[in-house]
Every structure is written in C-alpha cells, then in structure tokens.
Amino acid sequence: MGGLDKLRAPVGGLPLLAWTLRAIAAVPGVRAVVVVTASERVDALAAERWLPAAVTAVVAGGARRQDSVAAGVAALPAGDPRDVVLVHDGARPLVSADLVARVAAAAADHGAAIPVVPVAETLKRVEDGRIAATVDRMPRAAAQTPQGIRRDVLARAWELQPPGGAATWTDEAALLEACRIPVHAVPGESTNLKVTLPDALARVEAALVARGDVAGAAG
C-alpha cells in the first residue's frame, strides 16, 4: 500500500475498517464484535464515533495472526461452547451478509468452515528464476474470511497447538488442519476482495456507490 494504513484509508467518507465493521455488525445473529488492533491504536479506535453498537471491545493484538485472534476471542462475552466464533479480515469490507451467515451455519453444523473461491489463473512453480512446471489448479482454491469455528472446537485445537506456541499459522484453517480437525469448505464470493493494493480502494468505493451505501455514510 506504499506506506498507507489501508484500514484507515478514506472510502466514501469513512475509513475502510468502518465499512467492514458495518458489514459484519449488520448480519442477523452476530451478537458481539471485538476489534483487534495495534496496542498504540486501541484508545483512539475505541473512541471512534463510527464504531457499530455491536462492537463490545477494542483490544490489542500480537505479533502474529494467531496471537491477535486469541486476544480477540478472550475479549468476547461468555457464551455456549457451541457458539460460533467468526474471524474476519478488516480489509474485506464488501463481505455479504449471506456469506457470513452461510459460514456461520456451516461452522455450527461441522465445527469449522471457511469460504473458498476457485483459482482462476494458471499456476506455475518457479525455481531459480525459471518456470519449473505448471501446477494443476483444479483441486486448489483461495481462502477468504470470515473463517468460522465453534468455541469448543477452537478450545480443542488450542489444547493441541496453543496460540502462544512456536508454530505459526497463516489462518485458523491451517491451525485446525495441523490438529487433524476437519474444516468445511463454503463457496466464497469474488466480490469479497481483500484490499492489498491501492487501486483496490477505488474498486471498493465503486461497489459501495453501486449499492447505495456511500450516500448514507455521513449519517
């Protein structure tokens, strides 16, 4: 992002993160949202007027994704062991309520679920700067968020692989795979993009304009 904090980047009159939180908080069945951020930003973020009412806590994360997830889960209100915890990237503001609901339902039924989309591009294996082989893309898919896990399943995984341990997991599904806990695949959405490059901000704003969301942002 060229040094730009993408979560604070203005989109339609609000920071990018505001749109992500609005999308998650608006989903029926979502009872509480915990925002995990850098320690030096906790107080400022907690004071933002655009935070949805569903946000119950803003907490400091850690050096790794798994450390931040553990901090967020610890800050959630107490609940039933079979409640579903959803972990969502702040840089995915266009997630639909339907996708969130489908992931949550699949996680409730199967213990854990993530959305995936087919890999569209031809994949190559590169070695020493040269193409070594073409990789079969048919069994492969790209993972999205939210990733859903029942509390009891997550607790079992953390017993086997504590979040503060030496192993590092790129996402929650990778943790569960290492623990031999099945993860259900749910069809994702091509529109559920993750902002990683500056031009994606314009795509997000165009999508919000098309949905009519930007016009009501100031209120």
Protein backbone atom coordinates (compact mmCIF):
# COMPACT_ATOMS: atom_id res chain seq x y z
CA MET A 1 0.00 0.00 0.00
CA GLY A 2 3.02 2.31 -0.28
CA GLY A 3 3.09 3.02 3.44
CA LEU A 4 -0.63 3.81 3.66
CA ASP A 5 -2.56 2.24 6.54
CA LYS A 6 -5.25 0.61 4.43
CA LEU A 7 -7.69 0.18 7.32
CA ARG A 8 -7.67 3.94 7.90
CA ALA A 9 -7.79 4.84 4.21
CA PRO A 10 -10.84 7.01 3.40
CA VAL A 11 -13.51 5.30 1.34
CA GLY A 12 -16.83 7.01 0.78
CA GLY A 13 -16.31 9.39 3.70
CA LEU A 14 -15.35 6.71 6.24
CA PRO A 15 -12.24 4.65 6.97
CA LEU A 16 -12.12 1.31 5.20
CA LEU A 17 -12.39 -0.51 8.54
CA ALA A 18 -15.70 1.22 9.27
CA TRP A 19 -17.30 -0.42 6.24
CA THR A 20 -16.00 -3.84 7.25
CA LEU A 21 -17.39 -3.50 10.76
CA ARG A 22 -20.73 -2.25 9.47
CA ALA A 23 -20.99 -5.27 7.16
CA ILE A 24 -20.32 -7.76 9.96
CA ALA A 25 -22.42 -5.99 12.60
CA ALA A 26 -25.44 -5.87 10.29
CA VAL A 27 -25.63 -9.66 9.93
CA PRO A 28 -28.54 -11.16 11.90
CA GLY A 29 -27.26 -13.47 14.58
CA VAL A 30 -23.98 -11.62 15.18
CA ARG A 31 -24.21 -10.79 18.88
CA ALA A 32 -20.83 -9.19 19.57
CA VAL A 33 -17.87 -7.86 17.62
CA VAL A 34 -14.36 -7.48 19.02
CA VAL A 35 -11.88 -5.36 17.09
CA VAL A 36 -8.22 -6.31 17.40
CA THR A 37 -5.66 -3.64 16.55
CA ALA A 38 -2.15 -2.47 17.37
CA SER A 39 -1.66 -1.58 21.03
CA GLU A 40 -0.92 2.07 20.29
CA ARG A 41 -4.22 2.45 18.42
CA VAL A 42 -6.60 0.89 20.92
CA ASP A 43 -7.70 4.08 22.70
CA ALA A 44 -8.14 6.13 19.53
CA LEU A 45 -10.07 3.41 17.75
CA ALA A 46 -12.30 2.72 20.74
CA ALA A 47 -13.29 6.40 20.73
CA GLU A 48 -14.37 6.49 17.08
CA ARG A 49 -17.99 7.53 16.65
CA TRP A 50 -18.44 5.29 13.60
CA LEU A 51 -17.99 2.06 15.56
CA PRO A 52 -21.19 -0.03 15.34
CA ALA A 53 -23.08 -0.68 18.57
CA ALA A 54 -22.29 -4.39 18.20
CA VAL A 55 -18.61 -3.68 18.96
CA THR A 56 -18.20 -4.71 22.60
CA ALA A 57 -14.42 -4.32 22.88
CA VAL A 58 -11.32 -2.99 21.13
CA VAL A 59 -8.20 -4.86 22.20
CA ALA A 60 -4.51 -5.03 21.40
CA GLY A 61 -3.32 -7.82 19.15
CA GLY A 62 0.02 -9.58 18.99
CA ALA A 63 2.95 -10.14 16.67
CA ARG A 64 1.20 -12.97 14.79
CA ARG A 65 -2.32 -13.50 13.49
CA GLN A 66 -2.89 -16.34 15.98
CA ASP A 67 -1.88 -14.09 18.89
CA SER A 68 -4.34 -11.45 17.75
CA VAL A 69 -7.12 -13.99 17.29
CA ALA A 70 -6.52 -15.36 20.79
CA ALA A 71 -6.73 -11.82 22.22
CA GLY A 72 -9.97 -11.18 20.37
CA VAL A 73 -11.58 -14.45 21.43
CA ALA A 74 -10.59 -13.81 25.06
CA ALA A 75 -12.43 -10.48 24.93
CA LEU A 76 -15.68 -11.96 23.63
CA PRO A 77 -18.60 -12.19 26.05
CA ALA A 78 -19.02 -15.58 27.68
CA GLY A 79 -21.26 -17.95 25.76
CA ASP A 80 -22.20 -21.52 24.96
CA PRO A 81 -19.29 -23.80 23.96
CA ARG A 82 -21.10 -24.45 20.68
CA ASP A 83 -21.31 -20.77 19.76
CA VAL A 84 -19.55 -19.93 16.52
CA VAL A 85 -16.63 -17.50 16.51
CA LEU A 86 -16.02 -15.71 13.20
CA VAL A 87 -12.58 -14.34 12.36
CA HIS A 88 -12.70 -11.71 9.61
CA ASP A 89 -10.05 -9.57 7.93
CA GLY A 90 -10.56 -5.85 8.47
CA ALA A 91 -9.51 -5.30 4.86
CA ARG A 92 -12.51 -7.19 3.43
CA PRO A 93 -15.28 -4.54 3.57
CA LEU A 94 -17.52 -5.98 0.84
CA VAL A 95 -18.35 -9.27 2.54
CA SER A 96 -22.04 -10.04 2.17
CA ALA A 97 -24.45 -10.91 4.95
CA ASP A 98 -25.32 -14.08 3.03
CA LEU A 99 -21.70 -15.29 3.04
CA VAL A 100 -21.28 -14.58 6.75
CA ALA A 101 -24.50 -16.44 7.53
CA ARG A 102 -23.52 -19.43 5.38
CA VAL A 103 -20.10 -19.72 7.01
CA ALA A 104 -21.63 -19.45 10.48
CA ALA A 105 -24.25 -22.10 9.69
CA ALA A 106 -21.67 -24.48 8.23
CA ALA A 107 -19.36 -23.99 11.23
CA ALA A 108 -22.25 -24.69 13.61
CA ASP A 109 -23.02 -27.93 11.75
CA HIS A 110 -19.48 -29.14 11.02
CA GLY A 111 -17.37 -27.50 13.74
CA ALA A 112 -15.41 -25.25 11.40
CA ALA A 113 -15.88 -23.70 7.97
CA ILE A 114 -14.18 -21.23 5.65
CA PRO A 115 -15.21 -19.64 2.33
CA VAL A 116 -13.10 -20.52 -0.71
CA VAL A 117 -13.05 -19.45 -4.35
CA PRO A 118 -11.59 -21.37 -7.31
CA VAL A 119 -8.15 -20.33 -8.53
CA ALA A 120 -8.72 -18.72 -11.93
CA GLU A 121 -5.14 -18.14 -13.10
CA THR A 122 -2.77 -20.77 -14.43
CA LEU A 123 -0.31 -21.65 -11.68
CA LYS A 124 3.42 -22.09 -12.22
CA ARG A 125 6.16 -23.42 -9.98
CA VAL A 126 9.21 -21.17 -10.18
CA GLU A 127 12.72 -22.36 -9.30
CA ASP A 128 15.84 -20.20 -9.57
CA GLY A 129 14.02 -17.61 -11.64
CA ARG A 130 12.71 -20.07 -14.21
CA ILE A 131 9.41 -21.85 -14.74
CA ALA A 132 9.86 -25.38 -13.46
CA ALA A 133 6.37 -26.73 -14.01
CA THR A 134 2.70 -25.92 -14.49
CA VAL A 135 0.72 -26.74 -11.37
CA ASP A 136 -2.72 -28.32 -11.60
CA ARG A 137 -5.13 -25.71 -10.27
CA MET A 138 -8.25 -27.91 -10.24
CA PRO A 139 -8.01 -29.16 -6.62
CA ARG A 140 -6.84 -25.78 -5.34
CA ALA A 141 -8.82 -22.85 -4.01
CA ALA A 142 -8.10 -19.46 -2.46
CA ALA A 143 -9.24 -18.98 1.15
CA GLN A 144 -11.31 -15.99 2.25
CA THR A 145 -12.77 -14.79 5.52
CA PRO A 146 -14.79 -14.88 7.71
CA GLN A 147 -13.50 -18.20 8.99
CA GLY A 148 -15.92 -19.79 11.42
CA ILE A 149 -15.11 -22.11 14.33
CA ARG A 150 -17.24 -23.35 17.21
CA ARG A 151 -15.83 -22.37 20.60
CA ASP A 152 -15.46 -25.98 21.68
CA VAL A 153 -13.57 -26.90 18.52
CA LEU A 154 -11.25 -23.91 18.87
CA ALA A 155 -10.58 -24.81 22.51
CA ARG A 156 -9.67 -28.36 21.47
CA ALA A 157 -7.29 -27.05 18.81
CA TRP A 158 -5.63 -24.70 21.29
CA GLU A 159 -5.08 -27.60 23.68
CA LEU A 160 -3.08 -29.33 20.95
CA GLN A 161 -1.47 -26.20 19.50
CA PRO A 162 -1.51 -23.26 21.95
CA PRO A 163 -1.66 -19.88 20.19
CA GLY A 164 1.48 -18.77 22.01
CA GLY A 165 3.46 -21.79 20.83
CA ALA A 166 6.40 -21.87 18.43
CA ALA A 167 4.35 -22.91 15.37
CA THR A 168 2.88 -20.10 13.25
CA TRP A 169 -0.43 -20.49 11.43
CA THR A 170 -1.40 -18.37 8.42
CA ASP A 171 -5.08 -18.71 9.24
CA GLU A 172 -7.46 -20.61 11.51
CA ALA A 173 -7.97 -23.37 8.95
CA ALA A 174 -4.22 -24.08 8.94
CA LEU A 175 -4.31 -24.47 12.73
CA LEU A 176 -7.20 -26.93 12.53
CA GLU A 177 -5.54 -28.87 9.72
CA ALA A 178 -2.46 -29.31 11.90
CA CYS A 179 -4.71 -30.67 14.64
CA ARG A 180 -6.45 -33.05 12.19
CA ILE A 181 -9.75 -31.25 12.74
CA PRO A 182 -11.88 -31.18 9.55
CA VAL A 183 -12.71 -27.80 8.02
CA HIS A 184 -15.80 -27.49 5.82
CA ALA A 185 -15.47 -25.51 2.57
CA VAL A 186 -18.18 -22.99 1.71
CA PRO A 187 -18.37 -21.28 -1.71
CA GLY A 188 -16.92 -17.79 -1.33
CA GLU A 189 -17.63 -14.65 -3.32
CA SER A 190 -15.47 -12.96 -5.96
CA THR A 191 -16.70 -9.61 -4.63
CA ASN A 192 -15.30 -10.38 -1.16
CA LEU A 193 -11.96 -8.87 -2.10
CA LYS A 194 -9.13 -8.16 0.33
CA VAL A 195 -7.59 -4.72 -0.08
CA THR A 196 -3.87 -5.24 -0.60
CA LEU A 197 -3.08 -2.76 -3.39
CA PRO A 198 -4.01 0.96 -3.64
CA ASP A 199 -6.24 0.55 -6.70
CA ALA A 200 -8.50 -1.79 -4.71
CA LEU A 201 -9.73 1.21 -2.69
CA ALA A 202 -11.35 2.66 -5.81
CA ARG A 203 -12.99 -0.70 -6.53
CA VAL A 204 -14.41 -0.82 -3.02
CA GLU A 205 -15.79 2.71 -3.27
CA ALA A 206 -17.34 1.95 -6.67
CA ALA A 207 -19.05 -1.10 -5.19
CA LEU A 208 -20.37 0.90 -2.25
CA VAL A 209 -21.69 3.57 -4.61
CA ALA A 210 -23.39 0.90 -6.72
CA ARG A 211 -25.06 -0.48 -3.60
CA GLY A 212 -26.16 2.98 -2.49
CA ASP A 213 -24.21 2.77 0.78
CA VAL A 214 -21.91 5.75 0.34
CA ALA A 215 -24.73 8.28 0.15
CA GLY A 216 -25.77 7.40 3.69
CA ALA A 217 -22.29 7.26 5.17
CA ALA A 218 -22.41 10.63 6.90
CA GLY A 219 -25.40 9.60 8.96
